[in-house]
């Protein structure tokens, strides 16, 4: 879906981590989606290290 919007979940971001730079490639798991507006919420793999 070219017009999809990905929203990174930052609530669980460790305090010693920084947000990825604009244009950086990231990997994660889709934890929520909305069909009507093509949005997905993503939990980034980098932030899952304590789980």
PDB file of N, CA and C in Angstrom:
ATOM      1  N   UNK A   1       0.849  -1.165   0.000  1.00  0.00           N
ATOM      2  CA  UNK A   1       0.000   0.000   0.000  1.00  0.00           C
ATOM      3  C   UNK A   1       0.901   1.236   0.000  1.00  0.00           C
ATOM      4  N   UNK A   2       1.074   1.902  -1.109  1.00  0.00           N
ATOM      5  CA  UNK A   2       2.004   3.039  -1.193  1.00  0.00           C
ATOM      6  C   UNK A   2       1.668   4.205  -0.272  1.00  0.00           C
ATOM      7  N   UNK A   3       0.396   4.403   0.030  1.00  0.00           N
ATOM      8  CA  UNK A   3       0.023   5.550   0.870  1.00  0.00           C
ATOM      9  C   UNK A   3      -0.116   5.170   2.337  1.00  0.00           C
ATOM     10  N   UNK A   4       0.388   4.008   2.730  1.00  0.00           N
ATOM     11  CA  UNK A   4       0.299   3.568   4.120  1.00  0.00           C
ATOM     12  C   UNK A   4       1.171   4.439   5.015  1.00  0.00           C
ATOM     13  N   UNK A   5       0.755   4.553   6.268  1.00  0.00           N
ATOM     14  CA  UNK A   5       1.490   5.328   7.264  1.00  0.00           C
ATOM     15  C   UNK A   5       1.904   4.382   8.381  1.00  0.00           C
ATOM     16  N   UNK A   6       3.200   4.359   8.697  1.00  0.00           N
ATOM     17  CA  UNK A   6       3.717   3.550   9.800  1.00  0.00           C
ATOM     18  C   UNK A   6       3.997   4.425  11.001  1.00  0.00           C
ATOM     19  N   UNK A   7       3.456   4.045  12.155  1.00  0.00           N
ATOM     20  CA  UNK A   7       3.647   4.801  13.391  1.00  0.00           C
ATOM     21  C   UNK A   7       4.461   3.945  14.350  1.00  0.00           C
ATOM     22  N   UNK A   8       5.677   4.392  14.670  1.00  0.00           N
ATOM     23  CA  UNK A   8       6.519   3.639  15.600  1.00  0.00           C
ATOM     24  C   UNK A   8       6.027   3.858  17.019  1.00  0.00           C
ATOM     25  N   UNK A   9       5.903   2.776  17.764  1.00  0.00           N
ATOM     26  CA  UNK A   9       5.491   2.855  19.163  1.00  0.00           C
ATOM     27  C   UNK A   9       6.698   3.318  19.980  1.00  0.00           C
ATOM     28  N   UNK A  10       6.618   4.513  20.566  1.00  0.00           N
ATOM     29  CA  UNK A  10       7.752   5.062  21.314  1.00  0.00           C
ATOM     30  C   UNK A  10       7.525   5.035  22.826  1.00  0.00           C
ATOM     31  N   UNK A  11       6.351   4.629  23.275  1.00  0.00           N
ATOM     32  CA  UNK A  11       6.063   4.587  24.701  1.00  0.00           C
ATOM     33  C   UNK A  11       6.981   3.660  25.467  1.00  0.00           C
ATOM     34  N   UNK A  12       7.445   2.581  24.849  1.00  0.00           N
ATOM     35  CA  UNK A  12       8.328   1.626  25.512  1.00  0.00           C
ATOM     36  C   UNK A  12       9.790   1.815  25.158  1.00  0.00           C
ATOM     37  N   UNK A  13      10.121   2.952  24.552  1.00  0.00           N
ATOM     38  CA  UNK A  13      11.501   3.199  24.126  1.00  0.00           C
ATOM     39  C   UNK A  13      12.405   3.378  25.346  1.00  0.00           C
ATOM     40  N   UNK A  14      13.483   2.594  25.471  1.00  0.00           N
ATOM     41  CA  UNK A  14      14.415   2.781  26.585  1.00  0.00           C
ATOM     42  C   UNK A  14      15.003   4.194  26.579  1.00  0.00           C
ATOM     43  N   UNK A  15      15.248   4.743  27.748  1.00  0.00           N
ATOM     44  CA  UNK A  15      15.735   6.120  27.848  1.00  0.00           C
ATOM     45  C   UNK A  15      17.104   6.309  27.218  1.00  0.00           C
ATOM     46  N   UNK A  16      17.902   5.246  27.116  1.00  0.00           N
ATOM     47  CA  UNK A  16      19.241   5.387  26.535  1.00  0.00           C
ATOM     48  C   UNK A  16      19.241   5.238  25.006  1.00  0.00           C
ATOM     49  N   UNK A  17      18.071   5.065  24.399  1.00  0.00           N
ATOM     50  CA  UNK A  17      17.971   4.914  22.948  1.00  0.00           C
ATOM     51  C   UNK A  17      17.546   6.242  22.323  1.00  0.00           C
ATOM     52  N   UNK A  18      17.854   6.414  21.040  1.00  0.00           N
ATOM     53  CA  UNK A  18      17.433   7.594  20.287  1.00  0.00           C
ATOM     54  C   UNK A  18      16.506   7.158  19.168  1.00  0.00           C
ATOM     55  N   UNK A  19      15.643   8.072  18.749  1.00  0.00           N
ATOM     56  CA  UNK A  19      14.764   7.789  17.616  1.00  0.00           C
ATOM     57  C   UNK A  19      15.601   7.566  16.364  1.00  0.00           C
ATOM     58  N   UNK A  20      15.167   6.696  15.459  1.00  0.00           N
ATOM     59  CA  UNK A  20      15.886   6.505  14.200  1.00  0.00           C
ATOM     60  C   UNK A  20      15.880   7.801  13.387  1.00  0.00           C
ATOM     61  N   UNK A  21      16.923   8.007  12.601  1.00  0.00           N
ATOM     62  CA  UNK A  21      17.006   9.187  11.740  1.00  0.00           C
ATOM     63  C   UNK A  21      15.970   9.092  10.624  1.00  0.00           C
ATOM     64  N   UNK A  22      15.549  10.229  10.117  1.00  0.00           N
ATOM     65  CA  UNK A  22      14.629  10.261   8.975  1.00  0.00           C
ATOM     66  C   UNK A  22      15.297   9.537   7.810  1.00  0.00           C
ATOM     67  N   UNK A  23      14.594   8.611   7.213  1.00  0.00           N
ATOM     68  CA  UNK A  23      15.108   7.850   6.085  1.00  0.00           C
ATOM     69  C   UNK A  23      15.835   6.573   6.474  1.00  0.00           C
ATOM     70  N   UNK A  24      16.034   6.343   7.771  1.00  0.00           N
ATOM     71  CA  UNK A  24      16.707   5.126   8.225  1.00  0.00           C
ATOM     72  C   UNK A  24      15.787   3.925   8.015  1.00  0.00           C
ATOM     73  N   UNK A  25      16.386   2.777   7.697  1.00  0.00           N
ATOM     74  CA  UNK A  25      15.618   1.546   7.594  1.00  0.00           C
ATOM     75  C   UNK A  25      15.477   0.956   8.989  1.00  0.00           C
ATOM     76  N   UNK A  26      14.277   0.517   9.320  1.00  0.00           N
ATOM     77  CA  UNK A  26      14.012  -0.076  10.629  1.00  0.00           C
ATOM     78  C   UNK A  26      13.282  -1.402  10.435  1.00  0.00           C
ATOM     79  N   UNK A  27      13.341  -2.238  11.456  1.00  0.00           N
ATOM     80  CA  UNK A  27      12.622  -3.508  11.436  1.00  0.00           C
ATOM     81  C   UNK A  27      11.766  -3.567  12.687  1.00  0.00           C
ATOM     82  N   UNK A  28      10.623  -4.210  12.567  1.00  0.00           N
ATOM     83  CA  UNK A  28       9.750  -4.320  13.723  1.00  0.00           C
ATOM     84  C   UNK A  28       8.585  -5.238  13.463  1.00  0.00           C
ATOM     85  N   UNK A  29       7.653  -5.196  14.398  1.00  0.00           N
ATOM     86  CA  UNK A  29       6.469  -6.045  14.345  1.00  0.00           C
ATOM     87  C   UNK A  29       5.236  -5.150  14.338  1.00  0.00           C
ATOM     88  N   UNK A  30       4.333  -5.401  13.403  1.00  0.00           N
ATOM     89  CA  UNK A  30       3.068  -4.658  13.368  1.00  0.00           C
ATOM     90  C   UNK A  30       2.225  -5.144  14.540  1.00  0.00           C
ATOM     91  N   UNK A  31       1.830  -4.208  15.419  1.00  0.00           N
ATOM     92  CA  UNK A  31       1.038  -4.567  16.596  1.00  0.00           C
ATOM     93  C   UNK A  31      -0.398  -4.070  16.496  1.00  0.00           C
ATOM     94  N   UNK A  32      -0.713  -3.290  15.467  1.00  0.00           N
ATOM     95  CA  UNK A  32      -2.063  -2.752  15.274  1.00  0.00           C
ATOM     96  C   UNK A  32      -2.166  -2.222  13.857  1.00  0.00           C
ATOM     97  N   UNK A  33      -3.358  -2.255  13.283  1.00  0.00           N
ATOM     98  CA  UNK A  33      -3.566  -1.645  11.966  1.00  0.00           C
ATOM     99  C   UNK A  33      -4.997  -1.147  11.834  1.00  0.00           C
ATOM    100  N   UNK A  34      -5.158  -0.152  10.968  1.00  0.00           N
ATOM    101  CA  UNK A  34      -6.483   0.396  10.666  1.00  0.00           C
ATOM    102  C   UNK A  34      -6.675   0.336   9.162  1.00  0.00           C
ATOM    103  N   UNK A  35      -7.603  -0.480   8.717  1.00  0.00           N
ATOM    104  CA  UNK A  35      -7.849  -0.636   7.279  1.00  0.00           C
ATOM    105  C   UNK A  35      -8.351   0.651   6.627  1.00  0.00           C
ATOM    106  N   UNK A  36      -9.187   1.408   7.343  1.00  0.00           N
ATOM    107  CA  UNK A  36      -9.849   2.555   6.721  1.00  0.00           C
ATOM    108  C   UNK A  36      -8.878   3.683   6.331  1.00  0.00           C
ATOM    109  N   UNK A  37      -7.766   3.848   7.031  1.00  0.00           N
ATOM    110  CA  UNK A  37      -6.828   4.918   6.664  1.00  0.00           C
ATOM    111  C   UNK A  37      -5.410   4.407   6.428  1.00  0.00           C
ATOM    112  N   UNK A  38      -5.255   3.101   6.324  1.00  0.00           N
ATOM    113  CA  UNK A  38      -3.977   2.468   5.984  1.00  0.00           C
ATOM    114  C   UNK A  38      -2.850   2.855   6.946  1.00  0.00           C
ATOM    115  N   UNK A  39      -3.119   2.790   8.248  1.00  0.00           N
ATOM    116  CA  UNK A  39      -2.095   3.052   9.253  1.00  0.00           C
ATOM    117  C   UNK A  39      -1.724   1.751   9.951  1.00  0.00           C
ATOM    118  N   UNK A  40      -0.442   1.638  10.295  1.00  0.00           N
ATOM    119  CA  UNK A  40       0.024   0.510  11.094  1.00  0.00           C
ATOM    120  C   UNK A  40       0.842   1.046  12.259  1.00  0.00           C
ATOM    121  N   UNK A  41       0.717   0.409  13.413  1.00  0.00           N
ATOM    122  CA  UNK A  41       1.530   0.735  14.584  1.00  0.00           C
ATOM    123  C   UNK A  41       2.598  -0.347  14.668  1.00  0.00           C
ATOM    124  N   UNK A  42       3.850   0.083  14.807  1.00  0.00           N
ATOM    125  CA  UNK A  42       4.984  -0.834  14.747  1.00  0.00           C
ATOM    126  C   UNK A  42       5.790  -0.762  16.031  1.00  0.00           C
ATOM    127  N   UNK A  43       6.110  -1.926  16.597  1.00  0.00           N
ATOM    128  CA  UNK A  43       7.032  -2.006  17.729  1.00  0.00           C
ATOM    129  C   UNK A  43       8.397  -2.329  17.132  1.00  0.00           C
ATOM    130  N   UNK A  44       9.329  -1.395  17.253  1.00  0.00           N
ATOM    131  CA  UNK A  44      10.639  -1.567  16.637  1.00  0.00           C
ATOM    132  C   UNK A  44      11.451  -2.648  17.327  1.00  0.00           C
ATOM    133  N   UNK A  45      12.138  -3.489  16.540  1.00  0.00           N
ATOM    134  CA  UNK A  45      12.944  -4.584  17.081  1.00  0.00           C
ATOM    135  C   UNK A  45      14.043  -4.096  18.007  1.00  0.00           C
ATOM    136  N   UNK A  46      14.671  -2.964  17.682  1.00  0.00           N
ATOM    137  CA  UNK A  46      15.771  -2.446  18.495  1.00  0.00           C
ATOM    138  C   UNK A  46      15.341  -2.206  19.937  1.00  0.00           C
ATOM    139  N   UNK A  47      14.083  -1.871  20.153  1.00  0.00           N
ATOM    140  CA  UNK A  47      13.591  -1.510  21.478  1.00  0.00           C
ATOM    141  C   UNK A  47      13.070  -2.709  22.239  1.00  0.00           C
ATOM    142  N   UNK A  48      13.106  -3.878  21.625  1.00  0.00           N
ATOM    143  CA  UNK A  48      12.560  -5.090  22.255  1.00  0.00           C
ATOM    144  C   UNK A  48      13.638  -5.881  22.987  1.00  0.00           C
ATOM    145  N   UNK A  49      14.804  -5.323  23.154  1.00  0.00           N
ATOM    146  CA  UNK A  49      15.929  -6.077  23.704  1.00  0.00           C
ATOM    147  C   UNK A  49      15.690  -6.592  25.118  1.00  0.00           C
ATOM    148  N   UNK A  50      14.828  -5.918  25.909  1.00  0.00           N
ATOM    149  CA  UNK A  50      14.589  -6.362  27.284  1.00  0.00           C
ATOM    150  C   UNK A  50      13.440  -7.351  27.383  1.00  0.00           C
ATOM    151  N   UNK A  51      12.795  -7.667  26.290  1.00  0.00           N
ATOM    152  CA  UNK A  51      11.650  -8.583  26.317  1.00  0.00           C
ATOM    153  C   UNK A  51      12.068  -9.996  25.984  1.00  0.00           C
TER     154      UNK A  51
END
